[in-house]
C-alpha atoms as a PDB file:
ATOM      1  CA  MET A   1    -221.320  63.942  28.452  1.00  0.00           C
ATOM      2  CA  ASN A   2    -221.713  67.482  27.183  1.00  0.00           C
ATOM      3  CA  ILE A   3    -219.874  68.895  24.160  1.00  0.00           C
ATOM      4  CA  HIS A   4    -217.562  71.156  26.186  1.00  0.00           C
ATOM      5  CA  GLU A   5    -216.454  68.261  28.397  1.00  0.00           C
ATOM      6  CA  ALA A   6    -215.980  66.018  25.338  1.00  0.00           C
ATOM      7  CA  LYS A   7    -213.761  68.637  23.636  1.00  0.00           C
ATOM      8  CA  THR A   8    -211.735  69.121  26.807  1.00  0.00           C
ATOM      9  CA  HIS A   9    -211.148  65.385  27.352  1.00  0.00           C
ATOM     10  CA  PHE A  10    -211.231  64.099  23.774  1.00  0.00           C
ATOM     11  CA  SER A  11    -208.021  62.022  23.947  1.00  0.00           C
ATOM     12  CA  LYS A  12    -209.211  60.354  27.173  1.00  0.00           C
ATOM     13  CA  LEU A  13    -212.546  59.595  25.521  1.00  0.00           C
ATOM     14  CA  LEU A  14    -210.786  57.974  22.586  1.00  0.00           C
ATOM     15  CA  ARG A  15    -208.861  55.699  24.964  1.00  0.00           C
ATOM     16  CA  ARG A  16    -212.124  54.674  26.629  1.00  0.00           C
ATOM     17  CA  VAL A  17    -213.758  54.020  23.258  1.00  0.00           C
ATOM     18  CA  ALA A  18    -210.727  52.020  22.116  1.00  0.00           C
ATOM     19  CA  GLY A  19    -211.294  49.899  25.228  1.00  0.00           C
ATOM     20  CA  GLY A  20    -214.796  49.053  24.017  1.00  0.00           C
ATOM     21  CA  GLU A  21    -216.861  51.734  25.732  1.00  0.00           C
ATOM     22  CA  GLU A  22    -219.540  53.738  23.933  1.00  0.00           C
ATOM     23  CA  ILE A  23    -219.750  57.471  24.733  1.00  0.00           C
ATOM     24  CA  VAL A  24    -222.857  59.602  24.147  1.00  0.00           C
ATOM     25  CA  ILE A  25    -222.281  63.323  23.609  1.00  0.00           C
ATOM     26  CA  ALA A  26    -225.080  65.753  24.365  1.00  0.00           C
ATOM     27  CA  ARG A  27    -225.920  69.384  23.618  1.00  0.00           C
ATOM     28  CA  ALA A  28    -228.136  71.061  26.215  1.00  0.00           C
ATOM     29  CA  GLY A  29    -228.833  67.651  27.728  1.00  0.00           C
ATOM     30  CA  ARG A  30    -230.012  66.101  24.448  1.00  0.00           C
ATOM     31  CA  PRO A  31    -227.924  63.333  22.850  1.00  0.00           C
ATOM     32  CA  VAL A  32    -226.481  64.367  19.484  1.00  0.00           C
ATOM     33  CA  ALA A  33    -223.657  61.875  18.807  1.00  0.00           C
ATOM     34  CA  ARG A  34    -222.113  58.572  19.841  1.00  0.00           C
ATOM     35  CA  LEU A  35    -218.441  57.659  19.886  1.00  0.00           C
ATOM     36  CA  VAL A  36    -218.191  53.933  19.307  1.00  0.00           C
ATOM     37  CA  PRO A  37    -215.269  51.610  18.660  1.00  0.00           C
ATOM     38  CA  ILE A  38    -214.612  50.586  15.077  1.00  0.00           C
ATOM     39  CA  GLU A  39    -215.189  46.900  14.514  1.00  0.00           C
ATOM     40  CA  ARG A  40    -212.082  45.251  13.179  1.00  0.00           C
ATOM     41  CA  VAL A  41    -212.809  43.054  10.185  1.00  0.00           C
ATOM     42  CA  GLY A  42    -210.750  40.011   9.361  1.00  0.00           C
ATOM     43  CA  GLY A  43    -207.325  40.335  10.828  1.00  0.00           C
ATOM     44  CA  VAL A  44    -203.940  39.312   9.565  1.00  0.00           C
ATOM     45  CA  ARG A  45    -204.047  37.098   6.508  1.00  0.00           C
ATOM     46  CA  PRO A  46    -201.703  34.144   6.668  1.00  0.00           C
ATOM     47  CA  PHE A  47    -198.780  34.234   4.251  1.00  0.00           C
ATOM     48  CA  GLY A  48    -199.451  31.974   1.263  1.00  0.00           C
ATOM     49  CA  GLU A  49    -203.195  31.776   1.895  1.00  0.00           C
ATOM     50  CA  TYR A  50    -203.936  31.911  -1.836  1.00  0.00           C
ATOM     51  CA  ALA A  51    -201.002  29.786  -3.021  1.00  0.00           C
ATOM     52  CA  GLY A  52    -202.120  27.666  -5.941  1.00  0.00           C
ATOM     53  CA  LYS A  53    -205.500  29.416  -6.154  1.00  0.00           C
ATOM     54  CA  ILE A  54    -204.525  32.287  -8.462  1.00  0.00           C
ATOM     55  CA  ARG A  55    -203.509  31.749 -12.063  1.00  0.00           C
ATOM     56  CA  TRP A  56    -201.805  34.360 -14.233  1.00  0.00           C
ATOM     57  CA  THR A  57    -202.082  34.147 -17.984  1.00  0.00           C
ATOM     58  CA  GLY A  58    -199.351  35.304 -20.333  1.00  0.00           C
ATOM     59  CA  ASP A  59    -201.463  38.241 -21.549  1.00  0.00           C
ATOM     60  CA  PHE A  60    -202.621  39.591 -18.181  1.00  0.00           C
ATOM     61  CA  ASP A  61    -201.059  43.009 -18.885  1.00  0.00           C
ATOM     62  CA  GLN A  62    -202.343  43.432 -22.437  1.00  0.00           C
ATOM     63  CA  SER A  63    -204.600  46.377 -23.253  1.00  0.00           C
ATOM     64  CA  LEU A  64    -208.317  45.780 -23.074  1.00  0.00           C
ATOM     65  CA  PRO A  65    -210.370  45.802 -26.272  1.00  0.00           C
ATOM     66  CA  ASP A  66    -211.682  49.266 -27.275  1.00  0.00           C
ATOM     67  CA  ALA A  67    -215.299  48.282 -26.580  1.00  0.00           C
ATOM     68  CA  VAL A  68    -214.425  47.344 -22.988  1.00  0.00           C
ATOM     69  CA  LEU A  69    -212.342  50.509 -22.481  1.00  0.00           C
ATOM     70  CA  ARG A  70    -215.282  52.626 -23.667  1.00  0.00           C
ATOM     71  CA  GLU A  71    -217.455  51.034 -20.979  1.00  0.00           C
ATOM     72  CA  PHE A  72    -214.913  51.868 -18.269  1.00  0.00           C
ATOM     73  CA  GLU A  73    -214.336  55.387 -19.537  1.00  0.00           C
ATOM     74  CA  ASP A  74    -217.992  56.018 -20.328  1.00  0.00           C
ATOM     75  CA  ARG A  75    -217.167  57.145 -23.863  1.00  0.00           C
ATOM     76  CA  GLU A  76    -219.746  57.139 -26.620  1.00  0.00           C
ATOM     77  CA  THR A  77    -217.371  56.396 -29.555  1.00  0.00           C
END
């Protein structure tokens, strides 16, 4: 499909791609791009999937030690 046609029918192309089709777009008869569907990763996580697997300590919201903060902030002193 040429660029002009792709611009003219872009929303239709997106519907086709969403249906699993791959579209090649060409300029002067030479392929320059592909429209491909995005692969969905994972899906819906079940509620309570991590129940009992995560433990919070009483100091989870305490400030980090200065040496650790320096590493995160890339400070010298």
